[in-house]
Amino acid sequence: MTDAYTFICLFLIFGAFFGFVTYSKRHLFSEGPQKANGPEQTSSLKGRIFWVLLCTLLWPIMAITGINTAWILFKRKQHSKK
């Protein structure tokens, strides 16, 4: 039983750390490679808290979407060099 709690805690801690680290690049995980241009930006603290909470529970999905976006950007960069 203790092992299960340990894995759950590690999952949540890693997710929170992932959220803190990727906050400045969050557009790559949700909106694609382009940053949203909108004046209705939420405050930095509210946005960071929301992002960390979201990543705490969904970091595996966010990591997969980030890898997908990185792959798309890599392909675009190669295509533009041709």
N, C-alpha and C. Protein backbone atom coordinates (compact mmCIF):
# COMPACT_ATOMS: atom_id res chain seq x y z
N MET A 1 0.82 -1.19 0.00
CA MET A 1 0.00 0.00 0.00
C MET A 1 0.87 1.25 0.00
N THR A 2 1.96 1.21 0.74
CA THR A 2 2.85 2.37 0.80
C THR A 2 3.51 2.63 -0.55
N ASP A 3 3.80 1.57 -1.29
CA ASP A 3 4.40 1.74 -2.61
C ASP A 3 3.46 2.49 -3.56
N ALA A 4 2.18 2.20 -3.47
CA ALA A 4 1.21 2.88 -4.32
C ALA A 4 1.18 4.38 -3.99
N TYR A 5 1.19 4.73 -2.72
CA TYR A 5 1.21 6.14 -2.34
C TYR A 5 2.50 6.81 -2.78
N THR A 6 3.58 6.09 -2.73
CA THR A 6 4.86 6.64 -3.17
C THR A 6 4.82 6.97 -4.66
N PHE A 7 4.30 6.06 -5.47
CA PHE A 7 4.22 6.29 -6.90
C PHE A 7 3.26 7.43 -7.23
N ILE A 8 2.16 7.51 -6.54
CA ILE A 8 1.21 8.60 -6.76
C ILE A 8 1.84 9.94 -6.39
N CYS A 9 2.52 9.99 -5.27
CA CYS A 9 3.19 11.23 -4.86
C CYS A 9 4.28 11.63 -5.84
N LEU A 10 5.06 10.68 -6.30
CA LEU A 10 6.09 10.98 -7.29
C LEU A 10 5.48 11.47 -8.60
N PHE A 11 4.38 10.88 -9.01
CA PHE A 11 3.67 11.31 -10.22
C PHE A 11 3.24 12.77 -10.08
N LEU A 12 2.65 13.12 -8.94
CA LEU A 12 2.16 14.48 -8.73
C LEU A 12 3.32 15.47 -8.58
N ILE A 13 4.36 15.09 -7.89
CA ILE A 13 5.51 15.98 -7.73
C ILE A 13 6.19 16.23 -9.07
N PHE A 14 6.38 15.17 -9.85
CA PHE A 14 6.99 15.35 -11.16
C PHE A 14 6.10 16.22 -12.05
N GLY A 15 4.79 16.04 -11.98
CA GLY A 15 3.87 16.86 -12.77
C GLY A 15 3.93 18.32 -12.38
N ALA A 16 4.02 18.62 -11.08
CA ALA A 16 4.13 20.01 -10.64
C ALA A 16 5.46 20.60 -11.12
N PHE A 17 6.53 19.84 -11.02
CA PHE A 17 7.83 20.31 -11.51
C PHE A 17 7.78 20.55 -13.01
N PHE A 18 7.15 19.66 -13.75
CA PHE A 18 6.98 19.81 -15.19
C PHE A 18 6.22 21.10 -15.50
N GLY A 19 5.19 21.40 -14.71
CA GLY A 19 4.42 22.61 -14.91
C GLY A 19 5.23 23.86 -14.65
N PHE A 20 6.04 23.87 -13.58
CA PHE A 20 6.89 25.02 -13.30
C PHE A 20 7.91 25.25 -14.41
N VAL A 21 8.49 24.18 -14.92
CA VAL A 21 9.54 24.30 -15.92
C VAL A 21 8.97 24.73 -17.27
N THR A 22 7.80 24.25 -17.64
CA THR A 22 7.27 24.50 -18.98
C THR A 22 6.32 25.69 -19.06
N TYR A 23 6.17 26.45 -17.99
CA TYR A 23 5.21 27.56 -18.01
C TYR A 23 5.50 28.56 -19.12
N SER A 24 6.75 28.91 -19.33
CA SER A 24 7.08 29.91 -20.34
C SER A 24 6.89 29.38 -21.76
N LYS A 25 6.82 28.08 -21.94
CA LYS A 25 6.63 27.46 -23.26
C LYS A 25 5.26 26.82 -23.39
N ARG A 26 4.30 27.25 -22.59
CA ARG A 26 3.00 26.56 -22.56
C ARG A 26 2.25 26.64 -23.88
N HIS A 27 2.54 27.62 -24.74
CA HIS A 27 1.88 27.70 -26.03
C HIS A 27 2.22 26.49 -26.90
N LEU A 28 3.35 25.87 -26.68
CA LEU A 28 3.71 24.68 -27.46
C LEU A 28 2.87 23.46 -27.09
N PHE A 29 2.27 23.48 -25.92
CA PHE A 29 1.50 22.33 -25.45
C PHE A 29 0.00 22.48 -25.71
N SER A 30 -0.48 23.69 -25.91
CA SER A 30 -1.92 23.85 -26.00
C SER A 30 -2.38 24.47 -27.32
N GLU A 31 -1.68 25.47 -27.80
CA GLU A 31 -2.16 26.20 -28.96
C GLU A 31 -1.37 25.92 -30.22
N GLY A 32 -0.37 25.10 -30.12
CA GLY A 32 0.48 24.84 -31.25
C GLY A 32 1.69 25.74 -31.23
N PRO A 33 2.42 25.80 -32.32
CA PRO A 33 3.67 26.52 -32.31
C PRO A 33 3.54 28.04 -32.26
N GLN A 34 2.38 28.58 -32.53
CA GLN A 34 2.20 30.03 -32.53
C GLN A 34 1.70 30.51 -31.18
N LYS A 35 2.25 31.60 -30.69
CA LYS A 35 1.77 32.19 -29.44
C LYS A 35 0.47 32.93 -29.72
N ALA A 36 -0.43 32.89 -28.76
CA ALA A 36 -1.69 33.61 -28.90
C ALA A 36 -1.43 35.09 -28.65
N ASN A 37 -1.97 35.92 -29.51
CA ASN A 37 -1.87 37.36 -29.33
C ASN A 37 -3.21 37.87 -28.84
N GLY A 38 -3.30 38.09 -27.55
CA GLY A 38 -4.56 38.57 -27.00
C GLY A 38 -4.33 39.48 -25.83
N PRO A 39 -5.05 40.59 -25.78
CA PRO A 39 -4.89 41.51 -24.66
C PRO A 39 -5.51 40.99 -23.38
N GLU A 40 -6.37 39.99 -23.49
CA GLU A 40 -7.06 39.48 -22.31
C GLU A 40 -6.24 38.42 -21.59
N GLN A 41 -4.95 38.64 -21.49
CA GLN A 41 -4.07 37.73 -20.77
C GLN A 41 -4.41 37.74 -19.29
N THR A 42 -4.42 36.57 -18.68
CA THR A 42 -4.64 36.51 -17.25
C THR A 42 -3.36 36.91 -16.53
N SER A 43 -3.48 37.19 -15.25
CA SER A 43 -2.30 37.58 -14.49
C SER A 43 -1.30 36.44 -14.48
N SER A 44 -0.07 36.79 -14.29
CA SER A 44 1.00 35.79 -14.32
C SER A 44 0.83 34.74 -13.22
N LEU A 45 0.44 35.17 -12.03
CA LEU A 45 0.27 34.23 -10.92
C LEU A 45 -0.88 33.27 -11.17
N LYS A 46 -2.02 33.80 -11.62
CA LYS A 46 -3.17 32.93 -11.90
C LYS A 46 -2.86 31.96 -13.03
N GLY A 47 -2.21 32.45 -14.07
CA GLY A 47 -1.84 31.59 -15.18
C GLY A 47 -0.87 30.50 -14.78
N ARG A 48 0.12 30.88 -13.97
CA ARG A 48 1.12 29.89 -13.52
C ARG A 48 0.47 28.84 -12.63
N ILE A 49 -0.40 29.26 -11.72
CA ILE A 49 -1.08 28.31 -10.83
C ILE A 49 -1.93 27.35 -11.65
N PHE A 50 -2.69 27.88 -12.60
CA PHE A 50 -3.53 27.02 -13.44
C PHE A 50 -2.68 26.03 -14.23
N TRP A 51 -1.57 26.52 -14.82
CA TRP A 51 -0.72 25.65 -15.61
C TRP A 51 -0.10 24.54 -14.77
N VAL A 52 0.36 24.90 -13.57
CA VAL A 52 0.97 23.89 -12.69
C VAL A 52 -0.06 22.85 -12.27
N LEU A 53 -1.27 23.29 -11.94
CA LEU A 53 -2.32 22.34 -11.57
C LEU A 53 -2.69 21.44 -12.74
N LEU A 54 -2.78 22.01 -13.90
CA LEU A 54 -3.11 21.22 -15.08
C LEU A 54 -2.02 20.19 -15.37
N CYS A 55 -0.77 20.62 -15.31
CA CYS A 55 0.34 19.70 -15.60
C CYS A 55 0.53 18.67 -14.50
N THR A 56 0.16 19.01 -13.28
CA THR A 56 0.30 18.06 -12.19
C THR A 56 -0.48 16.78 -12.48
N LEU A 57 -1.64 16.92 -13.04
CA LEU A 57 -2.48 15.75 -13.31
C LEU A 57 -2.33 15.21 -14.73
N LEU A 58 -1.96 16.06 -15.67
CA LEU A 58 -1.95 15.64 -17.07
C LEU A 58 -0.57 15.70 -17.72
N TRP A 59 0.50 15.64 -16.94
CA TRP A 59 1.83 15.81 -17.53
C TRP A 59 2.18 14.78 -18.59
N PRO A 60 1.73 13.52 -18.52
CA PRO A 60 2.09 12.60 -19.62
C PRO A 60 1.48 13.04 -20.96
N ILE A 61 0.25 13.51 -20.92
CA ILE A 61 -0.41 13.97 -22.14
C ILE A 61 0.26 15.24 -22.64
N MET A 62 0.60 16.14 -21.71
CA MET A 62 1.27 17.39 -22.10
C MET A 62 2.64 17.10 -22.70
N ALA A 63 3.35 16.13 -22.17
CA ALA A 63 4.66 15.77 -22.72
C ALA A 63 4.52 15.23 -24.13
N ILE A 64 3.52 14.41 -24.37
CA ILE A 64 3.30 13.87 -25.72
C ILE A 64 2.94 14.97 -26.70
N THR A 65 2.08 15.91 -26.30
CA THR A 65 1.74 17.01 -27.20
C THR A 65 2.93 17.92 -27.44
N GLY A 66 3.78 18.10 -26.43
CA GLY A 66 4.99 18.89 -26.62
C GLY A 66 5.95 18.24 -27.59
N ILE A 67 6.09 16.94 -27.50
CA ILE A 67 6.95 16.21 -28.45
C ILE A 67 6.38 16.32 -29.85
N ASN A 68 5.07 16.22 -29.98
CA ASN A 68 4.43 16.34 -31.29
C ASN A 68 4.67 17.73 -31.88
N THR A 69 4.52 18.76 -31.09
CA THR A 69 4.75 20.13 -31.57
C THR A 69 6.21 20.33 -31.94
N ALA A 70 7.13 19.79 -31.15
CA ALA A 70 8.55 19.90 -31.48
C ALA A 70 8.84 19.22 -32.81
N TRP A 71 8.20 18.09 -33.05
CA TRP A 71 8.38 17.37 -34.32
C TRP A 71 7.84 18.20 -35.48
N ILE A 72 6.67 18.81 -35.31
CA ILE A 72 6.09 19.65 -36.36
C ILE A 72 7.01 20.83 -36.66
N LEU A 73 7.54 21.48 -35.63
CA LEU A 73 8.44 22.61 -35.84
C LEU A 73 9.72 22.17 -36.53
N PHE A 74 10.24 21.02 -36.18
CA PHE A 74 11.44 20.48 -36.82
C PHE A 74 11.20 20.24 -38.30
N LYS A 75 10.06 19.65 -38.61
CA LYS A 75 9.72 19.38 -40.02
C LYS A 75 9.55 20.68 -40.80
N ARG A 76 8.91 21.69 -40.18
CA ARG A 76 8.75 22.98 -40.85
C ARG A 76 10.09 23.64 -41.12
N LYS A 77 11.00 23.54 -40.16
CA LYS A 77 12.31 24.15 -40.33
C LYS A 77 13.08 23.46 -41.44
N GLN A 78 12.99 22.14 -41.52
CA GLN A 78 13.65 21.42 -42.60
C GLN A 78 13.03 21.76 -43.94
N HIS A 79 11.70 21.87 -43.96
CA HIS A 79 11.00 22.18 -45.21
C HIS A 79 11.34 23.59 -45.69
N SER A 80 11.49 24.53 -44.78
CA SER A 80 11.79 25.90 -45.18
C SER A 80 13.24 26.05 -45.67
N LYS A 81 14.12 25.16 -45.23
CA LYS A 81 15.51 25.22 -45.70
C LYS A 81 15.66 24.70 -47.13
N LYS A 82 14.72 23.89 -47.58
CA LYS A 82 14.80 23.30 -48.95
C LYS A 82 14.50 24.30 -50.02
